[in-house]
Amino acid sequence: MKTPLVLSLLCLVMASCAPTPNEPDRPENKLIHDPQSETLTPAAPSRFVKSSLVCGCSFILRIDGTGGNPAITYSAPSVTAGDTLEIHTIKVTANTTGLTAGTYTSWLALSMEDLFKGALRDTIYDTLIVP
């Protein structure tokens, strides 16, 4: 008897936090990153990205893939641990050792499960310019 009640309450809590596409007075929920892209340089070879949801709810963030130049790496301890947080912080680092002058690019695809849409997906992009 307690199990259906607990499940019902859990669904109610989850549904009350996230806006749905059918609610005209609330924006559609999206996975957002601040900032979404940035240019790195040898003088400023790292940055932090804060990933969150429009609704401000806690969620588990997943890394779906990465690509581009391996000189740019992504580190997200809370992502690998599967932590449920309101904001997930991802560190982007460029290793410029031994790189010739040029422009290097990389990306990181992220997602989170959404009760209404199945999954919310977004990608962050980085560019490294070595003069």
C-alpha atoms as a PDB file:
ATOM      1  CA  MET A   1       0.000   0.000   0.000  1.00  0.00           C
ATOM      2  CA  LYS A   2       2.841   2.411   0.820  1.00  0.00           C
ATOM      3  CA  THR A   3       4.706   1.808  -2.464  1.00  0.00           C
ATOM      4  CA  PRO A   4       2.021   3.303  -4.781  1.00  0.00           C
ATOM      5  CA  LEU A   5       1.699   6.318  -2.477  1.00  0.00           C
ATOM      6  CA  VAL A   6       5.454   6.922  -2.429  1.00  0.00           C
ATOM      7  CA  LEU A   7       5.659   6.558  -6.229  1.00  0.00           C
ATOM      8  CA  SER A   8       2.739   8.959  -6.694  1.00  0.00           C
ATOM      9  CA  LEU A   9       4.361  11.555  -4.445  1.00  0.00           C
ATOM     10  CA  LEU A  10       7.684  11.158  -6.245  1.00  0.00           C
ATOM     11  CA  CYS A  11       6.034  11.686  -9.650  1.00  0.00           C
ATOM     12  CA  LEU A  12       4.178  14.733  -8.318  1.00  0.00           C
ATOM     13  CA  VAL A  13       7.407  16.286  -6.989  1.00  0.00           C
ATOM     14  CA  MET A  14       9.267  15.626 -10.260  1.00  0.00           C
ATOM     15  CA  ALA A  15       6.443  16.946 -12.399  1.00  0.00           C
ATOM     16  CA  SER A  16       5.935  20.055 -10.277  1.00  0.00           C
ATOM     17  CA  CYS A  17       9.550  21.138 -10.660  1.00  0.00           C
ATOM     18  CA  ALA A  18      10.036  20.890 -14.412  1.00  0.00           C
ATOM     19  CA  PRO A  19       8.021  23.030 -16.806  1.00  0.00           C
ATOM     20  CA  THR A  20       6.400  21.178 -19.670  1.00  0.00           C
ATOM     21  CA  PRO A  21       5.817  22.281 -23.272  1.00  0.00           C
ATOM     22  CA  ASN A  22       2.072  22.590 -22.476  1.00  0.00           C
ATOM     23  CA  GLU A  23       2.461  25.370 -19.905  1.00  0.00           C
ATOM     24  CA  PRO A  24       2.216  28.761 -21.661  1.00  0.00           C
ATOM     25  CA  ASP A  25       3.031  30.704 -18.484  1.00  0.00           C
ATOM     26  CA  ARG A  26       6.352  28.875 -17.959  1.00  0.00           C
ATOM     27  CA  PRO A  27       9.232  28.538 -20.414  1.00  0.00           C
ATOM     28  CA  GLU A  28       9.927  25.130 -21.903  1.00  0.00           C
ATOM     29  CA  ASN A  29      12.617  23.361 -19.909  1.00  0.00           C
ATOM     30  CA  LYS A  30      16.049  23.292 -21.536  1.00  0.00           C
ATOM     31  CA  LEU A  31      19.540  22.191 -20.629  1.00  0.00           C
ATOM     32  CA  ILE A  32      21.675  25.334 -20.650  1.00  0.00           C
ATOM     33  CA  HIS A  33      25.387  26.017 -20.266  1.00  0.00           C
ATOM     34  CA  ASP A  34      26.999  29.238 -19.119  1.00  0.00           C
ATOM     35  CA  PRO A  35      28.978  30.071 -21.186  1.00  0.00           C
ATOM     36  CA  GLN A  36      28.206  27.658 -24.033  1.00  0.00           C
ATOM     37  CA  SER A  37      31.378  28.380 -25.982  1.00  0.00           C
ATOM     38  CA  GLU A  38      34.591  30.278 -25.431  1.00  0.00           C
ATOM     39  CA  THR A  39      37.976  30.827 -27.023  1.00  0.00           C
ATOM     40  CA  LEU A  40      40.976  29.555 -25.056  1.00  0.00           C
ATOM     41  CA  THR A  41      44.553  30.796 -25.472  1.00  0.00           C
ATOM     42  CA  PRO A  42      47.957  29.817 -24.040  1.00  0.00           C
ATOM     43  CA  ALA A  43      47.568  32.770 -21.628  1.00  0.00           C
ATOM     44  CA  ALA A  44      44.054  31.624 -20.578  1.00  0.00           C
ATOM     45  CA  PRO A  45      44.023  27.835 -21.175  1.00  0.00           C
ATOM     46  CA  SER A  46      41.025  26.893 -19.020  1.00  0.00           C
ATOM     47  CA  ARG A  47      37.459  27.831 -18.193  1.00  0.00           C
ATOM     48  CA  PHE A  48      34.488  26.598 -16.194  1.00  0.00           C
ATOM     49  CA  VAL A  49      31.030  25.858 -17.620  1.00  0.00           C
ATOM     50  CA  LYS A  50      27.988  25.777 -15.367  1.00  0.00           C
ATOM     51  CA  SER A  51      25.290  23.422 -16.679  1.00  0.00           C
ATOM     52  CA  SER A  52      21.747  23.824 -15.362  1.00  0.00           C
ATOM     53  CA  LEU A  53      18.083  23.570 -16.304  1.00  0.00           C
ATOM     54  CA  VAL A  54      15.790  26.508 -17.034  1.00  0.00           C
ATOM     55  CA  CYS A  55      13.545  25.391 -14.152  1.00  0.00           C
ATOM     56  CA  GLY A  56      16.425  25.351 -11.639  1.00  0.00           C
ATOM     57  CA  CYS A  57      15.703  21.730 -10.635  1.00  0.00           C
ATOM     58  CA  SER A  58      18.351  19.267  -9.527  1.00  0.00           C
ATOM     59  CA  PHE A  59      19.288  16.672 -12.139  1.00  0.00           C
ATOM     60  CA  ILE A  60      21.872  14.070 -13.144  1.00  0.00           C
ATOM     61  CA  LEU A  61      23.995  15.174 -16.107  1.00  0.00           C
ATOM     62  CA  ARG A  62      25.415  12.656 -18.593  1.00  0.00           C
ATOM     63  CA  ILE A  63      28.286  12.974 -21.047  1.00  0.00           C
ATOM     64  CA  ASP A  64      27.100  11.573 -24.380  1.00  0.00           C
ATOM     65  CA  GLY A  65      30.300  12.148 -26.312  1.00  0.00           C
ATOM     66  CA  THR A  66      33.260  14.341 -27.064  1.00  0.00           C
ATOM     67  CA  GLY A  67      35.206  15.109 -30.187  1.00  0.00           C
ATOM     68  CA  GLY A  68      37.615  17.411 -31.874  1.00  0.00           C
ATOM     69  CA  ASN A  69      41.208  18.038 -30.945  1.00  0.00           C
ATOM     70  CA  PRO A  70      42.488  16.076 -27.921  1.00  0.00           C
ATOM     71  CA  ALA A  71      44.487  19.119 -26.753  1.00  0.00           C
ATOM     72  CA  ILE A  72      41.191  20.344 -25.245  1.00  0.00           C
ATOM     73  CA  THR A  73      39.890  18.158 -22.419  1.00  0.00           C
ATOM     74  CA  TYR A  74      36.744  18.219 -20.282  1.00  0.00           C
ATOM     75  CA  SER A  75      36.556  17.320 -16.606  1.00  0.00           C
ATOM     76  CA  ALA A  76      33.254  16.951 -14.776  1.00  0.00           C
ATOM     77  CA  PRO A  77      33.574  15.060 -11.480  1.00  0.00           C
ATOM     78  CA  SER A  78      29.871  15.422 -10.623  1.00  0.00           C
ATOM     79  CA  VAL A  79      28.949  13.988 -14.037  1.00  0.00           C
ATOM     80  CA  THR A  80      31.029  10.845 -13.553  1.00  0.00           C
ATOM     81  CA  ALA A  81      29.795  10.411 -10.010  1.00  0.00           C
ATOM     82  CA  GLY A  82      26.157  10.701 -11.133  1.00  0.00           C
ATOM     83  CA  ASP A  83      25.436  13.443  -8.610  1.00  0.00           C
ATOM     84  CA  THR A  84      22.036  15.119  -8.565  1.00  0.00           C
ATOM     85  CA  LEU A  85      22.800  18.849  -8.519  1.00  0.00           C
ATOM     86  CA  GLU A  86      21.139  22.116  -9.533  1.00  0.00           C
ATOM     87  CA  ILE A  87      24.360  23.225 -11.275  1.00  0.00           C
ATOM     88  CA  HIS A  88      27.014  20.886 -12.683  1.00  0.00           C
ATOM     89  CA  THR A  89      30.439  22.502 -13.143  1.00  0.00           C
ATOM     90  CA  ILE A  90      32.597  21.303 -16.036  1.00  0.00           C
ATOM     91  CA  LYS A  91      36.231  22.337 -16.339  1.00  0.00           C
ATOM     92  CA  VAL A  92      37.620  22.817 -19.839  1.00  0.00           C
ATOM     93  CA  THR A  93      41.412  22.716 -20.148  1.00  0.00           C
ATOM     94  CA  ALA A  94      43.706  23.191 -23.117  1.00  0.00           C
ATOM     95  CA  ASN A  95      47.174  21.666 -23.118  1.00  0.00           C
ATOM     96  CA  THR A  96      49.196  23.905 -25.427  1.00  0.00           C
ATOM     97  CA  THR A  97      52.521  22.103 -24.955  1.00  0.00           C
ATOM     98  CA  GLY A  98      54.047  21.256 -28.313  1.00  0.00           C
ATOM     99  CA  LEU A  99      51.182  22.709 -30.374  1.00  0.00           C
ATOM    100  CA  THR A 100      52.066  24.679 -33.472  1.00  0.00           C
ATOM    101  CA  ALA A 101      50.377  28.002 -34.237  1.00  0.00           C
ATOM    102  CA  GLY A 102      46.798  27.468 -35.339  1.00  0.00           C
ATOM    103  CA  THR A 103      43.171  27.048 -34.329  1.00  0.00           C
ATOM    104  CA  TYR A 104      42.003  23.892 -32.544  1.00  0.00           C
ATOM    105  CA  THR A 105      38.372  23.029 -31.807  1.00  0.00           C
ATOM    106  CA  SER A 106      36.569  20.562 -29.582  1.00  0.00           C
ATOM    107  CA  TRP A 107      33.055  19.755 -28.340  1.00  0.00           C
ATOM    108  CA  LEU A 108      31.288  17.954 -25.491  1.00  0.00           C
ATOM    109  CA  ALA A 109      27.735  16.575 -25.859  1.00  0.00           C
ATOM    110  CA  LEU A 110      25.670  16.456 -22.667  1.00  0.00           C
ATOM    111  CA  SER A 111      22.190  15.268 -21.794  1.00  0.00           C
ATOM    112  CA  MET A 112      19.795  14.636 -18.946  1.00  0.00           C
ATOM    113  CA  GLU A 113      16.676  12.493 -18.753  1.00  0.00           C
ATOM    114  CA  ASP A 114      13.438  14.451 -18.930  1.00  0.00           C
ATOM    115  CA  LEU A 115      10.104  13.129 -17.689  1.00  0.00           C
ATOM    116  CA  PHE A 116       8.177  14.726 -20.583  1.00  0.00           C
ATOM    117  CA  LYS A 117      10.616  14.724 -23.529  1.00  0.00           C
ATOM    118  CA  GLY A 118      12.712  11.596 -22.926  1.00  0.00           C
ATOM    119  CA  ALA A 119      16.010  13.531 -22.872  1.00  0.00           C
ATOM    120  CA  LEU A 120      17.262  17.105 -23.068  1.00  0.00           C
ATOM    121  CA  ARG A 121      20.493  17.471 -25.035  1.00  0.00           C
ATOM    122  CA  ASP A 122      22.986  20.259 -25.614  1.00  0.00           C
ATOM    123  CA  THR A 123      26.609  20.692 -26.666  1.00  0.00           C
ATOM    124  CA  ILE A 124      29.378  22.984 -25.512  1.00  0.00           C
ATOM    125  CA  TYR A 125      32.052  24.109 -27.953  1.00  0.00           C
ATOM    126  CA  ASP A 126      35.582  25.319 -27.420  1.00  0.00           C
ATOM    127  CA  THR A 127      38.209  26.884 -29.625  1.00  0.00           C
ATOM    128  CA  LEU A 128      41.893  27.135 -28.778  1.00  0.00           C
ATOM    129  CA  ILE A 129      43.950  29.710 -30.657  1.00  0.00           C
ATOM    130  CA  VAL A 130      47.724  29.324 -30.507  1.00  0.00           C
ATOM    131  CA  PRO A 131      49.422  32.402 -32.029  1.00  0.00           C
END
